[in-house]
């Protein structure tokens, strides 16, 4: 909300949460129950800059997107036998062909994506959305789609600004948010944690900082990667887009953090080596990283993070981040699938 009430005319900002099945619930960024509109000083500057008056803000004629998603003009094109086969792989409960689920993974968050959704312009939409639970299921999906020449896309957090998640040829979209977000293993000896790629940034941090309670670790940890889309992006998405964040000048970009990766590809599984440094090349990690799904679906990633979170005795409400002395003491993160 604005810090101060307006002294003069105030436009009727939309302050109602979007219905769960609406277009607006897809294209509106952030917490659906949080609203922030321009301060009066910014509103005044906008009018001066664009030579507008209060009259221009008294009525809003554009569609705000509160109505339910309707894809009646975009029916499912994938043959029923393929959908049934996919149900056998991931389970019927993890397959959806509903209008809302299909559109919810069709676009990222470029201004172009948001404007198209706001105006109900559907250029691309998958035929079916799958919610895999395991790496094995992802590998089976990749194999099946390859065998039957079905386009396959991956959707993680949905914060993509490169149109990388848009299913331009229909087919299958893997939505990693619902099920592919669990911890696979944690090893404090070599400081590694394995998580599925659909895990969000906040969930990853919560897991690492709760390591003593969850895994009996001696200390808390942090990943050290905080991109601008942190709250609504996934770990796998960071990896396949070579993500960077506000703290990248200190901790490095995700390309500096990733230790190893595993992919489900049309020709089988690709696993890069699990070492912090190698004297041989070429570096398959760097070749695969940033591929955004063109080489396959990322299923596991190992990240060095090596930052321990120590509670400060002087400031009970603060935490101090302490970097280890040696590069070998790195906390890593493995995942099982990629998302954006």
C-alpha atoms as a PDB file:
ATOM      1  CA  UNK A   1       0.000   0.000   0.000  1.00  0.00           C
ATOM      2  CA  UNK A   2       1.021   3.638  -0.389  1.00  0.00           C
ATOM      3  CA  UNK A   3       2.763   5.118   2.628  1.00  0.00           C
ATOM      4  CA  UNK A   4       0.432   8.114   2.886  1.00  0.00           C
ATOM      5  CA  UNK A   5      -3.153   8.732   1.769  1.00  0.00           C
ATOM      6  CA  UNK A   6      -3.588  10.994  -1.241  1.00  0.00           C
ATOM      7  CA  UNK A   7      -4.397  14.639  -0.506  1.00  0.00           C
ATOM      8  CA  UNK A   8      -6.003  15.188  -3.882  1.00  0.00           C
ATOM      9  CA  UNK A   9      -7.706  12.964  -6.445  1.00  0.00           C
ATOM     10  CA  UNK A  10      -6.787   9.280  -6.159  1.00  0.00           C
ATOM     11  CA  UNK A  11      -7.428   6.761  -8.952  1.00  0.00           C
ATOM     12  CA  UNK A  12      -9.429   3.668  -8.083  1.00  0.00           C
ATOM     13  CA  UNK A  13      -6.567   1.213  -7.902  1.00  0.00           C
ATOM     14  CA  UNK A  14      -7.386  -2.504  -8.092  1.00  0.00           C
ATOM     15  CA  UNK A  15      -7.122  -3.703  -4.500  1.00  0.00           C
ATOM     16  CA  UNK A  16      -9.061  -6.958  -4.779  1.00  0.00           C
ATOM     17  CA  UNK A  17      -7.270 -10.328  -4.895  1.00  0.00           C
ATOM     18  CA  UNK A  18      -7.647 -12.031  -8.258  1.00  0.00           C
ATOM     19  CA  UNK A  19      -9.949 -15.079  -8.378  1.00  0.00           C
ATOM     20  CA  UNK A  20      -7.967 -18.320  -8.328  1.00  0.00           C
ATOM     21  CA  UNK A  21      -9.086 -19.396 -11.815  1.00  0.00           C
ATOM     22  CA  UNK A  22      -8.662 -16.012 -13.495  1.00  0.00           C
ATOM     23  CA  UNK A  23      -6.293 -14.575 -16.072  1.00  0.00           C
ATOM     24  CA  UNK A  24      -5.169 -11.999 -13.526  1.00  0.00           C
ATOM     25  CA  UNK A  25      -4.030 -14.689 -11.089  1.00  0.00           C
ATOM     26  CA  UNK A  26      -1.574 -15.793 -13.780  1.00  0.00           C
ATOM     27  CA  UNK A  27      -0.211 -12.492 -15.060  1.00  0.00           C
ATOM     28  CA  UNK A  28      -0.124 -10.555 -11.773  1.00  0.00           C
ATOM     29  CA  UNK A  29       3.304 -10.798 -10.160  1.00  0.00           C
ATOM     30  CA  UNK A  30       3.854 -11.601  -6.504  1.00  0.00           C
ATOM     31  CA  UNK A  31       1.679 -12.196  -3.466  1.00  0.00           C
ATOM     32  CA  UNK A  32      -1.977 -12.102  -4.573  1.00  0.00           C
ATOM     33  CA  UNK A  33      -2.946 -10.429  -1.292  1.00  0.00           C
ATOM     34  CA  UNK A  34      -0.338  -7.661  -1.427  1.00  0.00           C
ATOM     35  CA  UNK A  35      -1.093  -4.392  -3.204  1.00  0.00           C
ATOM     36  CA  UNK A  36       1.256  -1.523  -3.889  1.00  0.00           C
ATOM     37  CA  UNK A  37       0.233   1.469  -5.930  1.00  0.00           C
ATOM     38  CA  UNK A  38       2.162   4.693  -6.783  1.00  0.00           C
ATOM     39  CA  UNK A  39       2.690   7.341  -4.164  1.00  0.00           C
ATOM     40  CA  UNK A  40       0.944  10.634  -4.867  1.00  0.00           C
ATOM     41  CA  UNK A  41       4.256  12.253  -5.815  1.00  0.00           C
ATOM     42  CA  UNK A  42       4.879   9.568  -8.440  1.00  0.00           C
ATOM     43  CA  UNK A  43       1.302   9.832  -9.689  1.00  0.00           C
ATOM     44  CA  UNK A  44       1.801  13.609 -10.094  1.00  0.00           C
ATOM     45  CA  UNK A  45       5.088  13.059 -11.936  1.00  0.00           C
ATOM     46  CA  UNK A  46       3.402  10.580 -14.294  1.00  0.00           C
ATOM     47  CA  UNK A  47       0.726  13.136 -15.185  1.00  0.00           C
ATOM     48  CA  UNK A  48       3.314  15.845 -15.802  1.00  0.00           C
ATOM     49  CA  UNK A  49       5.613  13.617 -17.845  1.00  0.00           C
ATOM     50  CA  UNK A  50       2.916  12.179 -20.090  1.00  0.00           C
ATOM     51  CA  UNK A  51       0.766  15.325 -20.187  1.00  0.00           C
ATOM     52  CA  UNK A  52      -2.221  13.675 -18.559  1.00  0.00           C
ATOM     53  CA  UNK A  53      -4.876  14.845 -16.105  1.00  0.00           C
ATOM     54  CA  UNK A  54      -6.994  13.263 -13.362  1.00  0.00           C
ATOM     55  CA  UNK A  55      -9.724  12.776 -15.950  1.00  0.00           C
ATOM     56  CA  UNK A  56      -7.530  10.217 -17.697  1.00  0.00           C
ATOM     57  CA  UNK A  57      -7.559   8.099 -14.527  1.00  0.00           C
ATOM     58  CA  UNK A  58     -11.220   8.343 -13.551  1.00  0.00           C
ATOM     59  CA  UNK A  59     -12.291   5.346 -15.622  1.00  0.00           C
ATOM     60  CA  UNK A  60     -10.471   2.228 -16.736  1.00  0.00           C
ATOM     61  CA  UNK A  61     -11.657   0.680 -19.969  1.00  0.00           C
ATOM     62  CA  UNK A  62      -9.128  -2.134 -20.325  1.00  0.00           C
ATOM     63  CA  UNK A  63      -9.718  -5.689 -19.126  1.00  0.00           C
ATOM     64  CA  UNK A  64      -8.282  -6.292 -15.637  1.00  0.00           C
ATOM     65  CA  UNK A  65      -8.463 -10.072 -16.062  1.00  0.00           C
ATOM     66  CA  UNK A  66     -10.887 -11.137 -13.326  1.00  0.00           C
ATOM     67  CA  UNK A  67     -12.870 -13.529 -15.505  1.00  0.00           C
ATOM     68  CA  UNK A  68     -12.096 -17.292 -15.631  1.00  0.00           C
ATOM     69  CA  UNK A  69      -9.574 -18.620 -18.120  1.00  0.00           C
ATOM     70  CA  UNK A  70     -11.276 -19.871 -21.283  1.00  0.00           C
ATOM     71  CA  UNK A  71      -9.378 -21.847 -23.923  1.00  0.00           C
ATOM     72  CA  UNK A  72     -12.373 -23.021 -25.903  1.00  0.00           C
ATOM     73  CA  UNK A  73     -10.639 -21.764 -29.059  1.00  0.00           C
ATOM     74  CA  UNK A  74      -7.538 -23.801 -28.218  1.00  0.00           C
ATOM     75  CA  UNK A  75      -8.634 -27.425 -27.731  1.00  0.00           C
ATOM     76  CA  UNK A  76      -6.207 -30.190 -26.815  1.00  0.00           C
ATOM     77  CA  UNK A  77      -4.517 -31.497 -29.971  1.00  0.00           C
ATOM     78  CA  UNK A  78      -2.529 -34.347 -28.454  1.00  0.00           C
ATOM     79  CA  UNK A  79      -3.996 -37.767 -29.214  1.00  0.00           C
ATOM     80  CA  UNK A  80      -5.859 -39.438 -26.299  1.00  0.00           C
ATOM     81  CA  UNK A  81      -3.579 -42.493 -26.417  1.00  0.00           C
ATOM     82  CA  UNK A  82      -0.576 -40.295 -25.636  1.00  0.00           C
ATOM     83  CA  UNK A  83      -2.328 -38.694 -22.680  1.00  0.00           C
ATOM     84  CA  UNK A  84      -3.239 -42.138 -21.348  1.00  0.00           C
ATOM     85  CA  UNK A  85       0.369 -43.280 -21.717  1.00  0.00           C
ATOM     86  CA  UNK A  86       1.558 -40.232 -19.800  1.00  0.00           C
ATOM     87  CA  UNK A  87      -0.912 -40.977 -17.016  1.00  0.00           C
ATOM     88  CA  UNK A  88       0.733 -44.373 -16.612  1.00  0.00           C
ATOM     89  CA  UNK A  89       4.087 -42.655 -16.120  1.00  0.00           C
ATOM     90  CA  UNK A  90       3.186 -39.963 -13.585  1.00  0.00           C
ATOM     91  CA  UNK A  91      -0.251 -41.069 -12.357  1.00  0.00           C
ATOM     92  CA  UNK A  92      -3.638 -39.703 -13.360  1.00  0.00           C
ATOM     93  CA  UNK A  93      -3.534 -37.151 -10.520  1.00  0.00           C
ATOM     94  CA  UNK A  94      -0.419 -35.591 -12.050  1.00  0.00           C
ATOM     95  CA  UNK A  95      -1.853 -34.989 -15.519  1.00  0.00           C
ATOM     96  CA  UNK A  96      -4.008 -31.991 -16.405  1.00  0.00           C
ATOM     97  CA  UNK A  97      -5.677 -30.725 -19.554  1.00  0.00           C
ATOM     98  CA  UNK A  98      -7.791 -28.023 -17.872  1.00  0.00           C
ATOM     99  CA  UNK A  99      -7.819 -24.550 -19.396  1.00  0.00           C
ATOM    100  CA  UNK A 100      -6.336 -22.852 -16.344  1.00  0.00           C
ATOM    101  CA  UNK A 101      -3.491 -25.311 -15.836  1.00  0.00           C
ATOM    102  CA  UNK A 102      -2.538 -25.185 -19.500  1.00  0.00           C
ATOM    103  CA  UNK A 103      -2.464 -21.376 -19.666  1.00  0.00           C
ATOM    104  CA  UNK A 104      -0.694 -21.047 -16.315  1.00  0.00           C
ATOM    105  CA  UNK A 105       2.482 -22.534 -17.824  1.00  0.00           C
ATOM    106  CA  UNK A 106       2.215 -20.952 -21.266  1.00  0.00           C
ATOM    107  CA  UNK A 107       4.033 -17.671 -20.603  1.00  0.00           C
ATOM    108  CA  UNK A 108       6.821 -16.184 -18.539  1.00  0.00           C
ATOM    109  CA  UNK A 109       6.967 -12.638 -17.194  1.00  0.00           C
ATOM    110  CA  UNK A 110       8.174 -10.356 -19.939  1.00  0.00           C
ATOM    111  CA  UNK A 111       6.021  -7.258 -20.485  1.00  0.00           C
ATOM    112  CA  UNK A 112       5.009  -8.870 -23.773  1.00  0.00           C
ATOM    113  CA  UNK A 113       3.830 -11.998 -21.940  1.00  0.00           C
ATOM    114  CA  UNK A 114       1.860  -9.996 -19.377  1.00  0.00           C
ATOM    115  CA  UNK A 115       0.179  -7.794 -21.975  1.00  0.00           C
ATOM    116  CA  UNK A 116      -0.821 -10.805 -24.065  1.00  0.00           C
ATOM    117  CA  UNK A 117      -2.415 -12.478 -21.048  1.00  0.00           C
ATOM    118  CA  UNK A 118      -4.097  -9.256 -20.009  1.00  0.00           C
ATOM    119  CA  UNK A 119      -5.721  -9.045 -23.439  1.00  0.00           C
ATOM    120  CA  UNK A 120      -6.489 -12.792 -23.554  1.00  0.00           C
ATOM    121  CA  UNK A 121      -4.187 -13.285 -26.493  1.00  0.00           C
ATOM    122  CA  UNK A 122      -3.147 -16.925 -26.516  1.00  0.00           C
ATOM    123  CA  UNK A 123      -0.380 -17.536 -29.050  1.00  0.00           C
ATOM    124  CA  UNK A 124       0.983 -20.689 -27.455  1.00  0.00           C
ATOM    125  CA  UNK A 125      -0.414 -23.240 -25.030  1.00  0.00           C
ATOM    126  CA  UNK A 126       0.547 -26.831 -24.187  1.00  0.00           C
ATOM    127  CA  UNK A 127      -1.853 -29.686 -24.812  1.00  0.00           C
ATOM    128  CA  UNK A 128      -1.170 -31.320 -21.479  1.00  0.00           C
ATOM    129  CA  UNK A 129       0.558 -30.357 -18.227  1.00  0.00           C
ATOM    130  CA  UNK A 130       2.448 -32.979 -16.209  1.00  0.00           C
ATOM    131  CA  UNK A 131       3.523 -32.745 -12.582  1.00  0.00           C
ATOM    132  CA  UNK A 132       6.365 -35.282 -12.196  1.00  0.00           C
ATOM    133  CA  UNK A 133       7.455 -36.441  -8.752  1.00  0.00           C
ATOM    134  CA  UNK A 134      10.736 -38.261  -9.426  1.00  0.00           C
ATOM    135  CA  UNK A 135      13.748 -38.128 -11.699  1.00  0.00           C
ATOM    136  CA  UNK A 136      12.762 -41.514 -13.089  1.00  0.00           C
ATOM    137  CA  UNK A 137       9.419 -40.133 -14.214  1.00  0.00           C
ATOM    138  CA  UNK A 138      11.129 -37.227 -15.972  1.00  0.00           C
ATOM    139  CA  UNK A 139      13.447 -39.640 -17.773  1.00  0.00           C
ATOM    140  CA  UNK A 140      10.471 -41.721 -18.919  1.00  0.00           C
ATOM    141  CA  UNK A 141       8.649 -38.606 -20.151  1.00  0.00           C
ATOM    142  CA  UNK A 142      11.691 -37.482 -22.143  1.00  0.00           C
ATOM    143  CA  UNK A 143      12.045 -40.950 -23.658  1.00  0.00           C
ATOM    144  CA  UNK A 144       8.349 -41.138 -24.557  1.00  0.00           C
ATOM    145  CA  UNK A 145       8.198 -37.657 -26.074  1.00  0.00           C
ATOM    146  CA  UNK A 146      11.334 -38.407 -28.093  1.00  0.00           C
ATOM    147  CA  UNK A 147       9.979 -41.697 -29.388  1.00  0.00           C
ATOM    148  CA  UNK A 148       6.668 -40.144 -30.458  1.00  0.00           C
ATOM    149  CA  UNK A 149       8.053 -36.750 -31.572  1.00  0.00           C
ATOM    150  CA  UNK A 150       6.014 -34.774 -29.036  1.00  0.00           C
ATOM    151  CA  UNK A 151       7.306 -31.266 -28.163  1.00  0.00           C
ATOM    152  CA  UNK A 152       8.407 -31.032 -24.523  1.00  0.00           C
ATOM    153  CA  UNK A 153       8.797 -27.886 -22.415  1.00  0.00           C
ATOM    154  CA  UNK A 154       9.723 -27.286 -18.782  1.00  0.00           C
ATOM    155  CA  UNK A 155       8.177 -24.729 -16.421  1.00  0.00           C
ATOM    156  CA  UNK A 156       9.778 -23.981 -13.070  1.00  0.00           C
ATOM    157  CA  UNK A 157       8.993 -20.775 -11.215  1.00  0.00           C
ATOM    158  CA  UNK A 158       7.680 -18.980 -14.285  1.00  0.00           C
ATOM    159  CA  UNK A 159       9.855 -15.892 -13.889  1.00  0.00           C
ATOM    160  CA  UNK A 160      11.476 -16.262 -17.317  1.00  0.00           C
ATOM    161  CA  UNK A 161      11.982 -13.040 -19.277  1.00  0.00           C
ATOM    162  CA  UNK A 162      13.379 -14.722 -22.388  1.00  0.00           C
ATOM    163  CA  UNK A 163      10.182 -16.508 -23.547  1.00  0.00           C
ATOM    164  CA  UNK A 164      12.033 -19.723 -22.768  1.00  0.00           C
ATOM    165  CA  UNK A 165       9.008 -21.490 -21.261  1.00  0.00           C
ATOM    166  CA  UNK A 166       6.548 -20.689 -24.069  1.00  0.00           C
ATOM    167  CA  UNK A 167       5.278 -23.912 -25.710  1.00  0.00           C
ATOM    168  CA  UNK A 168       5.292 -22.587 -29.274  1.00  0.00           C
ATOM    169  CA  UNK A 169       4.529 -26.035 -30.709  1.00  0.00           C
ATOM    170  CA  UNK A 170       2.066 -27.257 -28.097  1.00  0.00           C
ATOM    171  CA  UNK A 171       2.748 -30.721 -26.755  1.00  0.00           C
ATOM    172  CA  UNK A 172       3.786 -31.358 -23.133  1.00  0.00           C
ATOM    173  CA  UNK A 173       4.752 -28.914 -20.411  1.00  0.00           C
ATOM    174  CA  UNK A 174       6.412 -30.185 -17.229  1.00  0.00           C
ATOM    175  CA  UNK A 175       5.304 -28.056 -14.279  1.00  0.00           C
ATOM    176  CA  UNK A 176       7.902 -28.593 -11.561  1.00  0.00           C
ATOM    177  CA  UNK A 177       6.272 -26.441  -8.881  1.00  0.00           C
ATOM    178  CA  UNK A 178       3.734 -28.864  -7.444  1.00  0.00           C
ATOM    179  CA  UNK A 179       5.710 -32.048  -6.761  1.00  0.00           C
ATOM    180  CA  UNK A 180       9.305 -31.615  -7.864  1.00  0.00           C
ATOM    181  CA  UNK A 181      10.452 -29.579  -4.886  1.00  0.00           C
ATOM    182  CA  UNK A 182      11.770 -32.012  -2.283  1.00  0.00           C
ATOM    183  CA  UNK A 183      15.140 -32.628  -0.645  1.00  0.00           C
ATOM    184  CA  UNK A 184      16.737 -35.839  -1.864  1.00  0.00           C
ATOM    185  CA  UNK A 185      19.768 -36.005   0.432  1.00  0.00           C
ATOM    186  CA  UNK A 186      21.988 -33.955   2.713  1.00  0.00           C
ATOM    187  CA  UNK A 187      25.639 -34.677   3.519  1.00  0.00           C
ATOM    188  CA  UNK A 188      27.439 -32.413   5.949  1.00  0.00           C
ATOM    189  CA  UNK A 189      30.749 -34.260   5.601  1.00  0.00           C
ATOM    190  CA  UNK A 190      31.272 -32.946   2.091  1.00  0.00           C
ATOM    191  CA  UNK A 191      28.630 -30.266   2.678  1.00  0.00           C
ATOM    192  CA  UNK A 192      26.210 -31.288  -0.049  1.00  0.00           C
ATOM    193  CA  UNK A 193      22.458 -31.243  -0.316  1.00  0.00           C
ATOM    194  CA  UNK A 194      20.418 -32.780  -3.103  1.00  0.00           C
ATOM    195  CA  UNK A 195      17.076 -31.184  -3.931  1.00  0.00           C
ATOM    196  CA  UNK A 196      14.636 -31.379  -6.798  1.00  0.00           C
ATOM    197  CA  UNK A 197      14.871 -28.542  -9.275  1.00  0.00           C
ATOM    198  CA  UNK A 198      11.370 -27.219  -8.755  1.00  0.00           C
ATOM    199  CA  UNK A 199      12.272 -26.059  -5.245  1.00  0.00           C
ATOM    200  CA  UNK A 200      11.824 -22.302  -4.925  1.00  0.00           C
ATOM    201  CA  UNK A 201      14.498 -19.964  -3.656  1.00  0.00           C
ATOM    202  CA  UNK A 202      12.787 -19.309  -0.298  1.00  0.00           C
ATOM    203  CA  UNK A 203      12.212 -23.026   0.286  1.00  0.00           C
ATOM    204  CA  UNK A 204      15.854 -23.754  -0.460  1.00  0.00           C
ATOM    205  CA  UNK A 205      17.044 -21.107   1.984  1.00  0.00           C
ATOM    206  CA  UNK A 206      14.609 -22.295   4.645  1.00  0.00           C
ATOM    207  CA  UNK A 207      15.870 -25.845   4.212  1.00  0.00           C
ATOM    208  CA  UNK A 208      19.541 -24.869   4.437  1.00  0.00           C
ATOM    209  CA  UNK A 209      19.045 -22.602   7.423  1.00  0.00           C
ATOM    210  CA  UNK A 210      17.026 -25.329   9.145  1.00  0.00           C
ATOM    211  CA  UNK A 211      19.734 -27.952   8.555  1.00  0.00           C
ATOM    212  CA  UNK A 212      20.343 -28.579  12.296  1.00  0.00           C
ATOM    213  CA  UNK A 213      16.662 -29.351  12.889  1.00  0.00           C
ATOM    214  CA  UNK A 214      16.025 -31.211   9.624  1.00  0.00           C
ATOM    215  CA  UNK A 215      19.260 -33.168   9.221  1.00  0.00           C
ATOM    216  CA  UNK A 216      21.049 -32.950  12.565  1.00  0.00           C
ATOM    217  CA  UNK A 217      23.694 -30.661  11.057  1.00  0.00           C
ATOM    218  CA  UNK A 218      26.175 -28.819  13.254  1.00  0.00           C
ATOM    219  CA  UNK A 219      25.323 -25.433  11.774  1.00  0.00           C
ATOM    220  CA  UNK A 220      22.998 -23.528   9.489  1.00  0.00           C
ATOM    221  CA  UNK A 221      23.777 -22.843   5.834  1.00  0.00           C
ATOM    222  CA  UNK A 222      22.766 -20.487   3.058  1.00  0.00           C
ATOM    223  CA  UNK A 223      23.023 -20.810  -0.721  1.00  0.00           C
ATOM    224  CA  UNK A 224      24.231 -17.244  -1.289  1.00  0.00           C
ATOM    225  CA  UNK A 225      22.311 -16.837  -4.556  1.00  0.00           C
ATOM    226  CA  UNK A 226      19.576 -14.199  -4.436  1.00  0.00           C
ATOM    227  CA  UNK A 227      18.367 -13.152  -7.890  1.00  0.00           C
ATOM    228  CA  UNK A 228      15.739 -10.441  -8.234  1.00  0.00           C
ATOM    229  CA  UNK A 229      13.142 -13.143  -8.895  1.00  0.00           C
ATOM    230  CA  UNK A 230      14.262 -15.076  -5.794  1.00  0.00           C
ATOM    231  CA  UNK A 231      10.794 -15.546  -4.283  1.00  0.00           C
ATOM    232  CA  UNK A 232       9.228 -16.868  -7.486  1.00  0.00           C
ATOM    233  CA  UNK A 233      12.026 -18.700  -9.278  1.00  0.00           C
ATOM    234  CA  UNK A 234      13.369 -22.212  -8.899  1.00  0.00           C
ATOM    235  CA  UNK A 235      16.823 -23.587  -8.339  1.00  0.00           C
ATOM    236  CA  UNK A 236      16.841 -25.494 -11.598  1.00  0.00           C
ATOM    237  CA  UNK A 237      15.734 -22.376 -13.425  1.00  0.00           C
ATOM    238  CA  UNK A 238      18.698 -20.469 -12.029  1.00  0.00           C
ATOM    239  CA  UNK A 239      21.005 -23.137 -13.415  1.00  0.00           C
ATOM    240  CA  UNK A 240      19.655 -23.515 -16.925  1.00  0.00           C
ATOM    241  CA  UNK A 241      19.535 -19.734 -17.426  1.00  0.00           C
ATOM    242  CA  UNK A 242      22.945 -19.014 -15.871  1.00  0.00           C
ATOM    243  CA  UNK A 243      21.172 -16.721 -13.418  1.00  0.00           C
ATOM    244  CA  UNK A 244      22.722 -13.776 -11.618  1.00  0.00           C
ATOM    245  CA  UNK A 245      21.511 -11.780  -8.647  1.00  0.00           C
ATOM    246  CA  UNK A 246      22.070  -8.756  -6.441  1.00  0.00           C
ATOM    247  CA  UNK A 247      24.751 -10.581  -4.446  1.00  0.00           C
ATOM    248  CA  UNK A 248      26.539 -12.024  -7.471  1.00  0.00           C
ATOM    249  CA  UNK A 249      29.455  -9.593  -7.195  1.00  0.00           C
ATOM    250  CA  UNK A 250      30.220 -11.136  -3.795  1.00  0.00           C
ATOM    251  CA  UNK A 251      29.174 -14.787  -4.051  1.00  0.00           C
ATOM    252  CA  UNK A 252      29.381 -15.153  -7.836  1.00  0.00           C
ATOM    253  CA  UNK A 253      26.671 -15.986 -10.334  1.00  0.00           C
ATOM    254  CA  UNK A 254      25.001 -19.391 -10.437  1.00  0.00           C
ATOM    255  CA  UNK A 255      27.589 -20.364 -13.078  1.00  0.00           C
ATOM    256  CA  UNK A 256      30.276 -19.913 -10.422  1.00  0.00           C
ATOM    257  CA  UNK A 257      28.314 -21.895  -7.854  1.00  0.00           C
ATOM    258  CA  UNK A 258      27.163 -24.975  -9.771  1.00  0.00           C
ATOM    259  CA  UNK A 259      29.362 -28.008  -9.193  1.00  0.00           C
ATOM    260  CA  UNK A 260      27.681 -30.720 -11.281  1.00  0.00           C
ATOM    261  CA  UNK A 261      24.486 -31.479 -13.172  1.00  0.00           C
ATOM    262  CA  UNK A 262      22.466 -34.421 -14.417  1.00  0.00           C
ATOM    263  CA  UNK A 263      20.178 -34.335 -17.447  1.00  0.00           C
ATOM    264  CA  UNK A 264      17.513 -36.542 -18.977  1.00  0.00           C
ATOM    265  CA  UNK A 265      18.133 -36.278 -22.723  1.00  0.00           C
ATOM    266  CA  UNK A 266      16.816 -37.934 -25.902  1.00  0.00           C
ATOM    267  CA  UNK A 267      19.940 -40.120 -25.996  1.00  0.00           C
ATOM    268  CA  UNK A 268      19.948 -41.027 -22.294  1.00  0.00           C
ATOM    269  CA  UNK A 269      21.300 -39.617 -19.050  1.00  0.00           C
ATOM    270  CA  UNK A 270      24.146 -37.099 -18.966  1.00  0.00           C
ATOM    271  CA  UNK A 271      25.943 -36.682 -15.636  1.00  0.00           C
ATOM    272  CA  UNK A 272      28.782 -34.187 -15.306  1.00  0.00           C
ATOM    273  CA  UNK A 273      31.655 -34.857 -12.921  1.00  0.00           C
ATOM    274  CA  UNK A 274      31.220 -34.049  -9.243  1.00  0.00           C
ATOM    275  CA  UNK A 275      34.391 -32.064  -8.523  1.00  0.00           C
ATOM    276  CA  UNK A 276      34.970 -28.455  -7.575  1.00  0.00           C
ATOM    277  CA  UNK A 277      37.969 -28.168  -9.910  1.00  0.00           C
ATOM    278  CA  UNK A 278      39.418 -30.260 -12.749  1.00  0.00           C
ATOM    279  CA  UNK A 279      42.572 -30.030 -14.846  1.00  0.00           C
ATOM    280  CA  UNK A 280      40.855 -31.566 -17.871  1.00  0.00           C
ATOM    281  CA  UNK A 281      38.493 -30.105 -20.425  1.00  0.00           C
ATOM    282  CA  UNK A 282      36.251 -29.221 -22.074  1.00  0.00           C
ATOM    283  CA  UNK A 283      34.078 -28.377 -19.072  1.00  0.00           C
ATOM    284  CA  UNK A 284      30.785 -30.156 -19.644  1.00  0.00           C
ATOM    285  CA  UNK A 285      29.233 -28.246 -16.761  1.00  0.00           C
ATOM    286  CA  UNK A 286      29.702 -24.964 -18.579  1.00  0.00           C
ATOM    287  CA  UNK A 287      28.524 -26.436 -21.876  1.00  0.00           C
ATOM    288  CA  UNK A 288      25.272 -27.702 -20.388  1.00  0.00           C
ATOM    289  CA  UNK A 289      24.607 -24.782 -18.089  1.00  0.00           C
ATOM    290  CA  UNK A 290      22.462 -22.069 -19.643  1.00  0.00           C
ATOM    291  CA  UNK A 291      21.084 -24.425 -22.284  1.00  0.00           C
ATOM    292  CA  UNK A 292      17.482 -23.709 -21.166  1.00  0.00           C
ATOM    293  CA  UNK A 293      16.286 -27.203 -22.006  1.00  0.00           C
ATOM    294  CA  UNK A 294      17.734 -27.450 -25.504  1.00  0.00           C
ATOM    295  CA  UNK A 295      19.971 -30.388 -24.525  1.00  0.00           C
ATOM    296  CA  UNK A 296      17.498 -32.079 -22.208  1.00  0.00           C
ATOM    297  CA  UNK A 297      15.707 -31.713 -18.892  1.00  0.00           C
ATOM    298  CA  UNK A 298      17.933 -30.896 -15.946  1.00  0.00           C
ATOM    299  CA  UNK A 299      17.278 -33.459 -13.225  1.00  0.00           C
ATOM    300  CA  UNK A 300      20.031 -32.969 -10.635  1.00  0.00           C
ATOM    301  CA  UNK A 301      22.419 -30.161  -9.807  1.00  0.00           C
ATOM    302  CA  UNK A 302      25.173 -29.886  -7.251  1.00  0.00           C
ATOM    303  CA  UNK A 303      25.856 -26.378  -5.978  1.00  0.00           C
ATOM    304  CA  UNK A 304      28.742 -25.275  -3.816  1.00  0.00           C
ATOM    305  CA  UNK A 305      27.480 -22.731  -1.287  1.00  0.00           C
ATOM    306  CA  UNK A 306      29.815 -23.005   1.668  1.00  0.00           C
ATOM    307  CA  UNK A 307      28.373 -20.157   3.727  1.00  0.00           C
ATOM    308  CA  UNK A 308      27.465 -20.881   7.288  1.00  0.00           C
ATOM    309  CA  UNK A 309      24.868 -18.811   9.096  1.00  0.00           C
ATOM    310  CA  UNK A 310      25.908 -18.045  12.666  1.00  0.00           C
ATOM    311  CA  UNK A 311      23.516 -16.516  15.171  1.00  0.00           C
ATOM    312  CA  UNK A 312      24.987 -13.330  16.548  1.00  0.00           C
ATOM    313  CA  UNK A 313      25.092 -13.113  20.325  1.00  0.00           C
ATOM    314  CA  UNK A 314      25.274  -9.347  20.148  1.00  0.00           C
ATOM    315  CA  UNK A 315      22.223  -8.977  17.949  1.00  0.00           C
ATOM    316  CA  UNK A 316      19.588 -11.567  18.724  1.00  0.00           C
ATOM    317  CA  UNK A 317      17.489 -10.611  15.707  1.00  0.00           C
ATOM    318  CA  UNK A 318      20.400 -10.582  13.273  1.00  0.00           C
ATOM    319  CA  UNK A 319      22.450 -13.219  11.520  1.00  0.00           C
ATOM    320  CA  UNK A 320      26.031 -13.039  10.343  1.00  0.00           C
ATOM    321  CA  UNK A 321      27.169 -14.778   7.173  1.00  0.00           C
ATOM    322  CA  UNK A 322      30.625 -16.288   7.450  1.00  0.00           C
ATOM    323  CA  UNK A 323      32.476 -17.635   4.456  1.00  0.00           C
ATOM    324  CA  UNK A 324      34.656 -20.729   4.946  1.00  0.00           C
ATOM    325  CA  UNK A 325      38.410 -20.405   4.757  1.00  0.00           C
ATOM    326  CA  UNK A 326      38.894 -23.058   2.113  1.00  0.00           C
ATOM    327  CA  UNK A 327      37.074 -23.562  -1.210  1.00  0.00           C
ATOM    328  CA  UNK A 328      36.811 -27.270  -0.403  1.00  0.00           C
ATOM    329  CA  UNK A 329      34.320 -26.575   2.388  1.00  0.00           C
ATOM    330  CA  UNK A 330      31.448 -25.973   0.039  1.00  0.00           C
ATOM    331  CA  UNK A 331      27.842 -26.779   0.659  1.00  0.00           C
ATOM    332  CA  UNK A 332      26.333 -28.176  -2.505  1.00  0.00           C
ATOM    333  CA  UNK A 333      22.868 -28.616  -3.783  1.00  0.00           C
ATOM    334  CA  UNK A 334      21.633 -31.256  -6.111  1.00  0.00           C
ATOM    335  CA  UNK A 335      18.300 -31.126  -7.800  1.00  0.00           C
ATOM    336  CA  UNK A 336      16.099 -33.241  -9.947  1.00  0.00           C
ATOM    337  CA  UNK A 337      14.726 -31.266 -12.856  1.00  0.00           C
ATOM    338  CA  UNK A 338      14.834 -27.852 -14.270  1.00  0.00           C
ATOM    339  CA  UNK A 339      12.446 -24.985 -14.060  1.00  0.00           C
ATOM    340  CA  UNK A 340      12.574 -21.218 -14.741  1.00  0.00           C
END
